Protein backbone atom coordinates (compact mmCIF):
# COMPACT_ATOMS: atom_id res chain seq x y z
CA UNK A 1 -17.11 109.28 7.48
CA UNK A 2 -16.55 112.21 9.91
CA UNK A 3 -14.24 114.97 8.73
CA UNK A 4 -11.77 114.52 11.58
CA UNK A 5 -11.49 110.80 10.83
CA UNK A 6 -10.74 111.59 7.19
CA UNK A 7 -8.10 114.12 8.22
CA UNK A 8 -6.46 111.60 10.55
CA UNK A 9 -6.30 109.09 7.70
CA UNK A 10 -4.79 111.69 5.38
CA UNK A 11 -2.37 113.05 7.96
CA UNK A 12 -1.52 110.31 10.49
CA UNK A 13 0.84 112.61 12.42
CA UNK A 14 1.51 116.29 13.03
CA UNK A 15 4.74 115.85 11.07
CA UNK A 16 2.89 114.71 7.94
CA UNK A 17 0.51 117.69 8.16
CA UNK A 18 3.51 120.00 8.60
CA UNK A 19 5.15 118.51 5.50
CA UNK A 20 1.96 118.95 3.45
CA UNK A 21 1.65 122.62 4.42
CA UNK A 22 5.38 123.27 4.00
CA UNK A 23 5.38 121.69 0.53
CA UNK A 24 2.62 124.00 -0.68
CA UNK A 25 4.05 127.06 1.04
CA UNK A 26 7.53 126.60 -0.42
CA UNK A 27 6.31 126.13 -4.01
CA UNK A 28 3.99 129.13 -3.75
CA UNK A 29 6.75 131.18 -2.17
CA UNK A 30 9.18 130.29 -4.97
CA UNK A 31 6.87 131.71 -7.62
CA UNK A 32 6.24 134.85 -5.59
CA UNK A 33 9.95 135.40 -4.86
CA UNK A 34 11.02 135.00 -8.48
CA UNK A 35 8.24 137.35 -9.59
CA UNK A 36 9.27 139.91 -6.96
CA UNK A 37 12.85 139.98 -8.30
CA UNK A 38 11.82 140.76 -11.88
CA UNK A 39 12.67 144.17 -13.26
CA UNK A 40 10.22 146.34 -15.20
CA UNK A 41 11.35 144.80 -18.49
CA UNK A 42 10.73 141.28 -17.06
CA UNK A 43 14.47 140.53 -16.90
CA UNK A 44 16.57 139.75 -13.82
CA UNK A 45 19.47 141.68 -12.32
CA UNK A 46 21.23 138.40 -11.49
CA UNK A 47 22.31 135.26 -13.35
CA UNK A 48 19.51 132.70 -12.97
CA UNK A 49 21.84 129.75 -13.69
CA UNK A 50 24.18 130.93 -10.93
CA UNK A 51 21.22 131.00 -8.55
CA UNK A 52 20.31 127.43 -9.58
CA UNK A 53 23.94 126.37 -9.03
CA UNK A 54 24.06 127.88 -5.54
CA UNK A 55 20.71 126.26 -4.70
CA UNK A 56 22.08 122.83 -5.68
CA UNK A 57 25.16 123.41 -3.50
CA UNK A 58 22.86 124.31 -0.62
CA UNK A 59 20.78 121.15 -1.18
CA UNK A 60 23.95 119.05 -1.17
CA UNK A 61 25.05 120.66 2.08
CA UNK A 62 21.66 120.12 3.77
CA UNK A 63 21.38 116.49 2.59
CA UNK A 64 24.89 115.78 3.89
CA UNK A 65 24.02 117.25 7.28
CA UNK A 66 20.82 115.18 7.53
CA UNK A 67 22.70 111.99 6.58
CA UNK A 68 25.51 112.66 9.07
CA UNK A 69 23.09 113.62 11.83
CA UNK A 70 21.23 110.33 11.40
CA UNK A 71 24.54 108.43 11.45
CA UNK A 72 25.78 110.24 14.58
CA UNK A 73 28.20 112.39 12.56
CA UNK A 74 30.35 109.44 11.47
CA UNK A 75 31.98 110.71 8.30
CA UNK A 76 33.49 107.28 7.70
CA UNK A 77 29.98 105.84 7.20
CA UNK A 78 29.30 108.44 4.54
CA UNK A 79 32.55 107.75 2.70
CA UNK A 80 31.96 103.99 2.82
CA UNK A 81 28.42 104.41 1.48
CA UNK A 82 29.67 106.64 -1.33
CA UNK A 83 32.28 104.07 -2.35
CA UNK A 84 29.82 101.18 -2.13
CA UNK A 85 27.14 102.88 -4.23
CA UNK A 86 29.32 105.05 -6.47
CA UNK A 87 27.65 103.68 -9.61
CA UNK A 88 24.42 105.40 -8.53
CA UNK A 89 26.20 108.71 -9.15
CA UNK A 90 26.10 107.92 -12.87
CA UNK A 91 22.43 106.93 -12.76
CA UNK A 92 21.43 110.38 -11.54
CA UNK A 93 23.05 112.29 -14.41
CA UNK A 94 19.83 112.06 -16.45
CA UNK A 95 17.37 113.44 -13.85
CA UNK A 96 19.98 115.97 -12.70
CA UNK A 97 20.28 117.40 -16.20
CA UNK A 98 16.51 117.52 -16.62
CA UNK A 99 16.00 119.19 -13.24
CA UNK A 100 18.68 121.74 -14.16
CA UNK A 101 16.78 122.66 -17.34
CA UNK A 102 13.54 122.76 -15.32
CA UNK A 103 14.99 125.17 -12.75
CA UNK A 104 16.44 127.46 -15.42
CA UNK A 105 13.12 127.54 -17.29
CA UNK A 106 11.39 128.51 -14.04
CA UNK A 107 12.97 131.96 -14.30
CA UNK A 108 12.37 132.20 -18.07
CA UNK A 109 8.69 131.25 -17.87
CA UNK A 110 7.93 133.34 -14.79
CA UNK A 111 9.29 136.31 -16.75
CA UNK A 112 6.68 135.61 -19.45
CA UNK A 113 3.71 134.57 -17.30
CA UNK A 114 2.21 135.71 -14.02
CA UNK A 115 2.59 133.13 -11.21
CA UNK A 116 -1.05 131.96 -11.39
CA UNK A 117 -0.84 131.22 -15.13
CA UNK A 118 2.58 129.61 -14.63
CA UNK A 119 1.35 127.22 -11.93
CA UNK A 120 -1.80 126.46 -13.89
CA UNK A 121 0.11 125.48 -17.02
CA UNK A 122 2.47 123.34 -14.95
CA UNK A 123 -0.52 121.20 -13.94
CA UNK A 124 -0.10 119.53 -17.33
CA UNK A 125 2.62 117.46 -15.64
CA UNK A 126 -0.07 115.55 -13.69
CA UNK A 127 -1.39 113.87 -16.82
CA UNK A 128 1.87 114.02 -18.79
CA UNK A 129 3.28 111.82 -16.04
CA UNK A 130 0.43 109.39 -16.66
CA UNK A 131 1.12 109.38 -20.39
CA UNK A 132 4.83 108.85 -19.71
CA UNK A 133 3.97 105.90 -17.48
CA UNK A 134 1.78 104.46 -20.23
CA UNK A 135 4.64 104.64 -22.72
CA UNK A 136 7.51 103.52 -20.48
CA UNK A 137 5.70 100.99 -18.31
CA UNK A 138 3.15 99.85 -20.96
CA UNK A 139 0.13 100.77 -18.82
CA UNK A 140 -3.03 101.89 -20.65
CA UNK A 141 -4.80 104.92 -19.24
CA UNK A 142 -8.37 104.37 -18.13
CA UNK A 143 -11.34 106.44 -19.30
CA UNK A 144 -11.26 108.37 -16.01
CA UNK A 145 -7.60 109.28 -16.55
CA UNK A 146 -8.26 110.43 -20.12
CA UNK A 147 -11.18 112.51 -18.82
CA UNK A 148 -8.80 114.24 -16.43
CA UNK A 149 -6.46 114.92 -19.37
CA UNK A 150 -9.30 116.56 -21.31
CA UNK A 151 -10.42 118.67 -18.35
CA UNK A 152 -6.89 119.77 -17.64
CA UNK A 153 -6.33 120.82 -21.25
CA UNK A 154 -9.60 122.77 -21.29
CA UNK A 155 -8.65 124.48 -18.04
CA UNK A 156 -5.29 125.60 -19.43
CA UNK A 157 -6.92 126.97 -22.60
CA UNK A 158 -9.52 128.87 -20.54
CA UNK A 159 -6.75 130.48 -18.49
CA UNK A 160 -5.12 131.75 -21.70
CA UNK A 161 -8.31 133.61 -22.61
CA UNK A 162 -8.11 137.33 -21.83
CA UNK A 163 -11.43 138.35 -20.22
CA UNK A 164 -10.11 141.51 -18.62
CA UNK A 165 -11.05 145.07 -19.57
CA UNK A 166 -8.48 145.02 -22.41
CA UNK A 167 -9.46 141.78 -24.06
CA UNK A 168 -7.27 140.80 -26.96
CA UNK A 169 -8.40 139.92 -30.45
CA UNK A 170 -8.78 136.30 -31.53
CA UNK A 171 -5.45 136.46 -33.37
CA UNK A 172 -3.70 137.73 -30.21
CA UNK A 173 -5.33 134.92 -28.25
CA UNK A 174 -4.13 132.32 -30.72
CA UNK A 175 -0.62 133.75 -30.58
CA UNK A 176 -0.81 133.45 -26.78
CA UNK A 177 -1.87 129.82 -26.97
CA UNK A 178 0.76 128.83 -29.53
CA UNK A 179 3.54 131.19 -28.46
CA UNK A 180 7.17 130.20 -28.00
CA UNK A 181 6.70 130.55 -24.22
CA UNK A 182 4.06 127.81 -24.33
CA UNK A 183 6.67 125.58 -25.98
CA UNK A 184 9.08 126.40 -23.14
CA UNK A 185 6.37 125.53 -20.62
CA UNK A 186 5.89 122.17 -22.36
CA UNK A 187 9.66 121.56 -22.25
CA UNK A 188 9.64 122.38 -18.53
CA UNK A 189 6.70 120.03 -17.97
CA UNK A 190 8.44 117.23 -19.89
CA UNK A 191 11.66 117.71 -17.89
CA UNK A 192 9.74 117.56 -14.61
CA UNK A 193 7.69 114.49 -15.60
CA UNK A 194 10.47 112.42 -17.18
CA UNK A 195 12.89 113.25 -14.36
CA UNK A 196 10.25 112.22 -11.82
CA UNK A 197 9.53 108.93 -13.59
CA UNK A 198 13.23 108.18 -13.94
CA UNK A 199 13.80 109.00 -10.27
CA UNK A 200 11.01 106.60 -9.37
CA UNK A 201 12.68 103.92 -11.47
CA UNK A 202 16.01 104.49 -9.72
CA UNK A 203 14.35 104.40 -6.32
CA UNK A 204 12.56 101.13 -6.98
CA UNK A 205 15.12 99.34 -9.13
CA UNK A 206 18.65 100.57 -9.82
CA UNK A 207 19.34 102.48 -6.58
CA UNK A 208 16.89 100.75 -4.29
CA UNK A 209 19.48 99.95 -1.58
CA UNK A 210 20.94 103.45 -1.43
CA UNK A 211 20.01 105.65 1.53
CA UNK A 212 17.53 108.28 0.39
CA UNK A 213 19.73 111.18 1.55
CA UNK A 214 22.71 109.67 -0.26
CA UNK A 215 20.55 109.47 -3.40
CA UNK A 216 19.82 113.16 -2.92
CA UNK A 217 23.52 113.89 -2.58
CA UNK A 218 24.31 112.03 -5.82
CA UNK A 219 21.49 113.91 -7.56
CA UNK A 220 22.74 117.28 -6.34
CA UNK A 221 26.37 116.57 -7.28
CA UNK A 222 25.23 115.75 -10.80
CA UNK A 223 23.02 118.85 -10.76
CA UNK A 224 26.00 121.03 -9.84
CA UNK A 225 27.91 119.58 -12.78
CA UNK A 226 24.88 120.18 -15.06
CA UNK A 227 24.50 123.80 -13.89
CA UNK A 228 28.22 124.41 -14.42
CA UNK A 229 27.92 122.95 -17.92
CA UNK A 230 24.92 125.21 -18.59
CA UNK A 231 27.00 128.25 -17.59
CA UNK A 232 29.77 127.11 -19.95
CA UNK A 233 27.34 126.60 -22.85
CA UNK A 234 25.92 130.09 -22.29
CA UNK A 235 29.42 131.53 -22.24
CA UNK A 236 28.94 132.75 -18.68
CA UNK A 237 31.23 130.40 -16.79
CA UNK A 238 33.94 133.03 -16.42
CA UNK A 239 31.60 135.79 -15.28
CA UNK A 240 29.06 133.86 -13.19
CA UNK A 241 31.22 133.74 -10.06
CA UNK A 242 32.94 137.11 -10.32
CA UNK A 243 32.69 139.64 -7.52
CA UNK A 244 30.07 141.64 -9.40
CA UNK A 245 27.96 138.55 -10.16
CA UNK A 246 28.09 137.38 -6.55
CA UNK A 247 27.18 140.85 -5.29
CA UNK A 248 24.06 140.77 -7.49
CA UNK A 249 23.05 137.52 -5.78
CA UNK A 250 23.82 138.77 -2.28
CA UNK A 251 20.44 140.43 -2.10
CA UNK A 252 17.92 139.28 0.55
CA UNK A 253 15.24 138.34 -2.01
CA UNK A 254 17.68 136.42 -4.23
CA UNK A 255 19.22 134.60 -1.26
CA UNK A 256 15.69 133.72 -0.19
CA UNK A 257 15.15 132.13 -3.64
CA UNK A 258 18.29 130.01 -3.17
CA UNK A 259 17.28 128.87 0.33
CA UNK A 260 13.65 128.30 -0.68
CA UNK A 261 14.74 126.20 -3.67
CA UNK A 262 16.98 124.10 -1.44
CA UNK A 263 14.17 123.54 1.07
CA UNK A 264 11.84 122.46 -1.75
CA UNK A 265 14.23 119.63 -2.63
CA UNK A 266 14.43 118.37 0.95
CA UNK A 267 10.72 118.75 1.74
CA UNK A 268 9.68 116.99 -1.50
CA UNK A 269 11.80 114.04 -0.43
CA UNK A 270 10.02 113.85 2.94
CA UNK A 271 6.62 114.42 1.30
CA UNK A 272 6.96 111.31 -0.83
CA UNK A 273 8.24 109.39 2.19
CA UNK A 274 5.60 110.50 4.71
CA UNK A 275 2.55 110.95 2.46
CA UNK A 276 1.69 109.83 -1.08
CA UNK A 277 1.34 111.02 -4.67
CA UNK A 278 -2.44 111.46 -4.38
CA UNK A 279 -2.02 114.13 -1.72
CA UNK A 280 0.72 115.65 -3.84
CA UNK A 281 -1.79 116.32 -6.65
CA UNK A 282 -4.19 117.93 -4.18
CA UNK A 283 -1.35 120.11 -2.92
CA UNK A 284 -0.71 121.24 -6.50
CA UNK A 285 -4.37 122.19 -6.92
CA UNK A 286 -4.35 124.19 -3.70
CA UNK A 287 -1.18 125.97 -4.85
CA UNK A 288 -3.16 127.45 -7.74
CA UNK A 289 -5.83 128.92 -5.50
CA UNK A 290 -3.45 130.41 -2.96
CA UNK A 291 -1.12 131.76 -5.67
CA UNK A 292 -3.96 133.59 -7.43
CA UNK A 293 -5.12 135.23 -4.20
CA UNK A 294 -1.62 136.14 -3.03
CA UNK A 295 -0.63 137.61 -6.41
CA UNK A 296 -3.74 139.77 -6.28
CA UNK A 297 -2.93 140.94 -2.75
CA UNK A 298 0.85 141.41 -3.20
CA UNK A 299 1.39 142.36 -6.85
CA UNK A 300 -2.07 143.65 -7.74
CA UNK A 301 -2.39 141.06 -10.53
CA UNK A 302 -6.15 140.95 -11.20
CA UNK A 303 -8.10 137.73 -10.93
CA UNK A 304 -10.56 137.61 -13.84
CA UNK A 305 -13.48 135.27 -14.28
CA UNK A 306 -11.53 133.05 -16.66
CA UNK A 307 -8.90 132.47 -13.96
CA UNK A 308 -11.55 131.43 -11.45
CA UNK A 309 -13.20 129.08 -13.96
CA UNK A 310 -9.83 127.66 -15.04
CA UNK A 311 -8.79 127.00 -11.44
CA UNK A 312 -12.11 125.23 -10.84
CA UNK A 313 -11.76 123.08 -13.98
CA UNK A 314 -8.14 122.17 -13.23
CA UNK A 315 -9.02 121.34 -9.62
CA UNK A 316 -11.78 118.99 -10.83
CA UNK A 317 -9.33 117.41 -13.29
CA UNK A 318 -6.80 116.79 -10.55
CA UNK A 319 -9.47 115.34 -8.26
CA UNK A 320 -10.70 113.02 -11.03
CA UNK A 321 -7.14 111.90 -11.76
CA UNK A 322 -6.28 111.40 -8.08
CA UNK A 323 -9.18 108.96 -7.67
CA UNK A 324 -7.51 106.57 -10.11
CA UNK A 325 -3.86 107.58 -10.55
CA UNK A 326 -1.35 105.64 -12.60
CA UNK A 327 0.92 103.68 -10.28
CA UNK A 328 4.44 102.38 -10.72
CA UNK A 329 5.35 98.83 -9.72
CA UNK A 330 6.25 98.50 -6.02
CA UNK A 331 9.87 98.57 -4.98
CA UNK A 332 11.69 95.26 -5.12
CA UNK A 333 13.40 95.96 -1.81
CA UNK A 334 13.07 98.30 1.12
CA UNK A 335 15.56 101.14 1.15
CA UNK A 336 16.79 102.99 4.18
CA UNK A 337 14.75 106.10 4.80
CA UNK A 338 15.53 109.09 6.97
CA UNK A 339 13.96 109.62 10.35
CA UNK A 340 11.52 112.53 9.89
CA UNK A 341 11.73 113.59 13.53
CA UNK A 342 15.53 113.78 13.35
CA UNK A 343 15.34 115.67 10.08
CA UNK A 344 12.85 118.13 11.58
CA UNK A 345 15.20 118.76 14.47
CA UNK A 346 18.11 119.34 12.10
CA UNK A 347 16.12 121.73 9.90
CA UNK A 348 15.23 123.75 12.99
CA UNK A 349 18.91 123.92 13.91
CA UNK A 350 19.79 125.16 10.38
């Protein structure tokens, strides 16, 4: 099949190609921005939970604007929809809490790993999602899917090897593999996977009749509550929104993190609507390659042979998995979806 024909099948419109590129660019940019705001001791001069909270507020604002723009700015329609589907607000407390933990761990793990290693380790979520599906939906993984799991695990271990000029001893390598930061990465992967599976369940069962932007609004309201609770648990609720704390956030790079995080939420929604999960795994593989090159160019983080080999192995694993991905049952009803062209116009206005 000619290349152009394949591309047209993958990207049926210019909008879908734009979404694919934007999805990759935003995720790569998030890792680079967070890395750029680290201090020399790998800490941050701002409260990461406050940044997550402001990002969720921004997502809520953008989702509300897209909903109202599609409904010709009739606020009454929004209020009626909220009252009609108010139970869905409770459904989204679980994924909201998990996404909150995921976003907070983004800062923690990027302080411990370079962006390339971070994105590589996050690829575990591709197969962890499959395992989660097997447990929750009682679907056995095929031999091809288990092969992808093995390749992905090998790729992550290879990336942890230090093949640079200052190679560590075997004991240092083992401590790197089984460090506490690896546990945090696994927690972040679990939060991402389980929240995604649960969101899929809500979309196709519990909240199937709710407008997709209203679902986003419910999710972000719950996320704001979760982020506020996280601040309270950390004993930072009283200081997170003080003048000094806000001034630390009012820095161009930090504000860019907030806006970029908000755009990720909106673009991911349109990605799943306009494209499919197979392309999403390919986008994740491409993120690894671009992140490694950009970190080398921007931060001077060297790209060793083990990184190149690991990226190749993980890319093969993702390709193998994408040929036979685990699928959820189809939706029992058709939910109202946003108009991508209207959303594109609104994003340009913002």
